[in-house]
Amino acid sequence: MKIVSLKDAISQAKKLAESRLMEGMSADEFVEIGNADGFRIYVTAGKTVGDSQDPFHENSRDVFMLILDGEVEFLFQSGEKVDVKAEECFVLSKHLKHKCVFKKLTIAVEGVYEKGL
């Protein structure tokens, strides 16, 4: 059994994100905190710089996310917009076309099943 300090993982993810932000780039940084038979759990830190002009994209797997601090705005190809804030969680279904904007430095725990990808 592997014991991980969530506080240390958050600190590491924040440092990675802050480094990118200091370069004027958007950040979406991951620190793995667990892995069991292809299911991976990460602490992620992200912030979008400027207006997001990223195209809609889709994930090849379902993604679970628990927002610890901050806020993420999801824009879906259908035109729907959803804001997810601290202490809220969701599952983003695979192949759902979307883009996301991290409105401020956002810290989250993310889980994905990556086996076979």
C-alpha atoms as a PDB file:
ATOM      1  CA  MET A   1       0.000   0.000   0.000  1.00  0.00           C
ATOM      2  CA  LYS A   2       1.337   3.380  -1.020  1.00  0.00           C
ATOM      3  CA  ILE A   3       0.632   6.342   1.266  1.00  0.00           C
ATOM      4  CA  VAL A   4       0.720   9.759  -0.413  1.00  0.00           C
ATOM      5  CA  SER A   5       0.574  13.173   1.204  1.00  0.00           C
ATOM      6  CA  LEU A   6      -2.210  15.042  -0.586  1.00  0.00           C
ATOM      7  CA  LYS A   7      -0.760  18.312   0.705  1.00  0.00           C
ATOM      8  CA  ASP A   8       2.643  17.516  -0.886  1.00  0.00           C
ATOM      9  CA  ALA A   9       1.032  16.464  -4.178  1.00  0.00           C
ATOM     10  CA  ILE A  10      -0.982  19.688  -4.295  1.00  0.00           C
ATOM     11  CA  SER A  11       2.160  21.709  -3.592  1.00  0.00           C
ATOM     12  CA  GLN A  12       4.041  19.922  -6.378  1.00  0.00           C
ATOM     13  CA  ALA A  13       1.204  20.419  -8.897  1.00  0.00           C
ATOM     14  CA  LYS A  14       0.941  24.115  -7.950  1.00  0.00           C
ATOM     15  CA  LYS A  15       4.678  24.611  -8.463  1.00  0.00           C
ATOM     16  CA  LEU A  16       4.480  23.024 -11.921  1.00  0.00           C
ATOM     17  CA  ALA A  17       1.502  25.223 -12.840  1.00  0.00           C
ATOM     18  CA  GLU A  18       3.064  28.403 -11.457  1.00  0.00           C
ATOM     19  CA  SER A  19       6.195  27.751 -13.507  1.00  0.00           C
ATOM     20  CA  ARG A  20       4.127  27.642 -16.722  1.00  0.00           C
ATOM     21  CA  LEU A  21       2.116  30.677 -15.679  1.00  0.00           C
ATOM     22  CA  MET A  22       5.314  32.672 -15.079  1.00  0.00           C
ATOM     23  CA  GLU A  23       6.172  31.973 -18.740  1.00  0.00           C
ATOM     24  CA  GLY A  24       2.805  33.452 -19.747  1.00  0.00           C
ATOM     25  CA  MET A  25       1.344  30.092 -20.739  1.00  0.00           C
ATOM     26  CA  SER A  26      -1.812  28.357 -19.587  1.00  0.00           C
ATOM     27  CA  ALA A  27      -1.207  25.502 -17.161  1.00  0.00           C
ATOM     28  CA  ASP A  28      -2.812  22.068 -16.828  1.00  0.00           C
ATOM     29  CA  GLU A  29      -0.315  20.075 -14.759  1.00  0.00           C
ATOM     30  CA  PHE A  30      -0.668  16.579 -13.287  1.00  0.00           C
ATOM     31  CA  VAL A  31       0.990  14.750 -10.390  1.00  0.00           C
ATOM     32  CA  GLU A  32       0.110  11.055 -10.141  1.00  0.00           C
ATOM     33  CA  ILE A  33      -0.881   9.990  -6.625  1.00  0.00           C
ATOM     34  CA  GLY A  34      -2.146   6.467  -7.291  1.00  0.00           C
ATOM     35  CA  ASN A  35      -2.281   3.677  -9.843  1.00  0.00           C
ATOM     36  CA  ALA A  36      -4.065   0.340  -9.629  1.00  0.00           C
ATOM     37  CA  ASP A  37      -4.456  -1.914 -12.675  1.00  0.00           C
ATOM     38  CA  GLY A  38      -4.718   0.967 -15.116  1.00  0.00           C
ATOM     39  CA  PHE A  39      -6.858   3.246 -12.960  1.00  0.00           C
ATOM     40  CA  ARG A  40      -4.838   6.375 -12.241  1.00  0.00           C
ATOM     41  CA  ILE A  41      -5.500   9.186  -9.816  1.00  0.00           C
ATOM     42  CA  TYR A  42      -3.869  12.586 -10.151  1.00  0.00           C
ATOM     43  CA  VAL A  43      -3.741  15.925  -8.435  1.00  0.00           C
ATOM     44  CA  THR A  44      -4.040  18.533 -11.142  1.00  0.00           C
ATOM     45  CA  ALA A  45      -3.431  22.274 -11.088  1.00  0.00           C
ATOM     46  CA  GLY A  46      -4.589  24.460 -13.936  1.00  0.00           C
ATOM     47  CA  LYS A  47      -5.302  28.005 -14.999  1.00  0.00           C
ATOM     48  CA  THR A  48      -6.245  29.349 -18.427  1.00  0.00           C
ATOM     49  CA  VAL A  49      -4.354  32.469 -19.511  1.00  0.00           C
ATOM     50  CA  GLY A  50      -6.288  34.891 -21.718  1.00  0.00           C
ATOM     51  CA  ASP A  51      -9.279  33.895 -23.812  1.00  0.00           C
ATOM     52  CA  SER A  52      -9.289  30.200 -24.580  1.00  0.00           C
ATOM     53  CA  GLN A  53      -9.245  29.710 -28.324  1.00  0.00           C
ATOM     54  CA  ASP A  54      -8.674  25.970 -27.972  1.00  0.00           C
ATOM     55  CA  PRO A  55     -10.812  23.843 -30.276  1.00  0.00           C
ATOM     56  CA  PHE A  56     -13.412  21.465 -28.922  1.00  0.00           C
ATOM     57  CA  HIS A  57     -11.883  18.103 -28.090  1.00  0.00           C
ATOM     58  CA  GLU A  58     -12.934  14.785 -26.624  1.00  0.00           C
ATOM     59  CA  ASN A  59     -11.347  12.305 -24.243  1.00  0.00           C
ATOM     60  CA  SER A  60     -11.011   8.643 -25.136  1.00  0.00           C
ATOM     61  CA  ARG A  61     -11.991   7.701 -21.569  1.00  0.00           C
ATOM     62  CA  ASP A  62     -14.388   8.827 -18.846  1.00  0.00           C
ATOM     63  CA  VAL A  63     -12.863  11.337 -16.423  1.00  0.00           C
ATOM     64  CA  PHE A  64     -13.858  11.835 -12.777  1.00  0.00           C
ATOM     65  CA  MET A  65     -12.895  15.160 -11.198  1.00  0.00           C
ATOM     66  CA  LEU A  66     -13.309  16.581  -7.691  1.00  0.00           C
ATOM     67  CA  ILE A  67     -12.575  20.306  -7.527  1.00  0.00           C
ATOM     68  CA  LEU A  68     -10.711  21.115  -4.315  1.00  0.00           C
ATOM     69  CA  ASP A  69     -10.156  24.820  -4.970  1.00  0.00           C
ATOM     70  CA  GLY A  70     -11.002  27.131  -7.860  1.00  0.00           C
ATOM     71  CA  GLU A  71     -13.463  26.822 -10.726  1.00  0.00           C
ATOM     72  CA  VAL A  72     -13.668  25.254 -14.182  1.00  0.00           C
ATOM     73  CA  GLU A  73     -16.026  26.400 -16.928  1.00  0.00           C
ATOM     74  CA  PHE A  74     -16.962  23.715 -19.444  1.00  0.00           C
ATOM     75  CA  LEU A  75     -18.258  24.687 -22.861  1.00  0.00           C
ATOM     76  CA  PHE A  76     -19.856  21.908 -24.874  1.00  0.00           C
ATOM     77  CA  GLN A  77     -20.196  21.705 -28.629  1.00  0.00           C
ATOM     78  CA  SER A  78     -23.987  21.670 -28.110  1.00  0.00           C
ATOM     79  CA  GLY A  79     -23.715  25.247 -26.756  1.00  0.00           C
ATOM     80  CA  GLU A  80     -24.266  24.281 -23.121  1.00  0.00           C
ATOM     81  CA  LYS A  81     -22.043  25.913 -20.490  1.00  0.00           C
ATOM     82  CA  VAL A  82     -21.431  24.430 -17.020  1.00  0.00           C
ATOM     83  CA  ASP A  83     -19.410  25.897 -14.138  1.00  0.00           C
ATOM     84  CA  VAL A  84     -17.931  23.480 -11.601  1.00  0.00           C
ATOM     85  CA  LYS A  85     -16.708  25.010  -8.340  1.00  0.00           C
ATOM     86  CA  ALA A  86     -14.750  23.947  -5.273  1.00  0.00           C
ATOM     87  CA  GLU A  87     -16.263  20.988  -3.410  1.00  0.00           C
ATOM     88  CA  GLU A  88     -18.178  19.837  -6.495  1.00  0.00           C
ATOM     89  CA  CYS A  89     -17.387  16.770  -8.571  1.00  0.00           C
ATOM     90  CA  PHE A  90     -18.457  15.268 -11.874  1.00  0.00           C
ATOM     91  CA  VAL A  91     -17.831  12.550 -14.431  1.00  0.00           C
ATOM     92  CA  LEU A  92     -17.113  13.755 -17.951  1.00  0.00           C
ATOM     93  CA  SER A  93     -18.219  11.039 -20.355  1.00  0.00           C
ATOM     94  CA  LYS A  94     -15.760   9.859 -22.965  1.00  0.00           C
ATOM     95  CA  HIS A  95     -16.176  11.255 -26.483  1.00  0.00           C
ATOM     96  CA  LEU A  96     -18.179  14.286 -25.241  1.00  0.00           C
ATOM     97  CA  LYS A  97     -16.863  17.242 -27.266  1.00  0.00           C
ATOM     98  CA  HIS A  98     -15.920  20.087 -24.932  1.00  0.00           C
ATOM     99  CA  LYS A  99     -13.389  22.693 -23.966  1.00  0.00           C
ATOM    100  CA  CYS A 100     -12.637  23.953 -20.511  1.00  0.00           C
ATOM    101  CA  VAL A 101     -11.459  27.201 -18.979  1.00  0.00           C
ATOM    102  CA  PHE A 102      -9.749  27.270 -15.593  1.00  0.00           C
ATOM    103  CA  LYS A 103     -10.966  30.668 -14.367  1.00  0.00           C
ATOM    104  CA  LYS A 104      -8.311  30.907 -11.651  1.00  0.00           C
ATOM    105  CA  LEU A 105      -5.654  28.541 -10.363  1.00  0.00           C
ATOM    106  CA  THR A 106      -7.744  25.428  -9.828  1.00  0.00           C
ATOM    107  CA  ILE A 107      -6.725  22.359  -7.857  1.00  0.00           C
ATOM    108  CA  ALA A 108      -8.525  19.062  -8.395  1.00  0.00           C
ATOM    109  CA  VAL A 109      -8.276  15.317  -7.924  1.00  0.00           C
ATOM    110  CA  GLU A 110      -8.814  13.486 -11.199  1.00  0.00           C
ATOM    111  CA  GLY A 111      -9.336   9.794 -11.830  1.00  0.00           C
ATOM    112  CA  VAL A 112      -9.143   8.026 -15.186  1.00  0.00           C
ATOM    113  CA  TYR A 113      -9.073   4.426 -16.343  1.00  0.00           C
ATOM    114  CA  GLU A 114      -6.203   4.263 -18.825  1.00  0.00           C
ATOM    115  CA  LYS A 115      -5.646   0.523 -19.223  1.00  0.00           C
ATOM    116  CA  GLY A 116      -5.690  -0.533 -22.821  1.00  0.00           C
ATOM    117  CA  LEU A 117      -5.275   2.958 -24.259  1.00  0.00           C
END
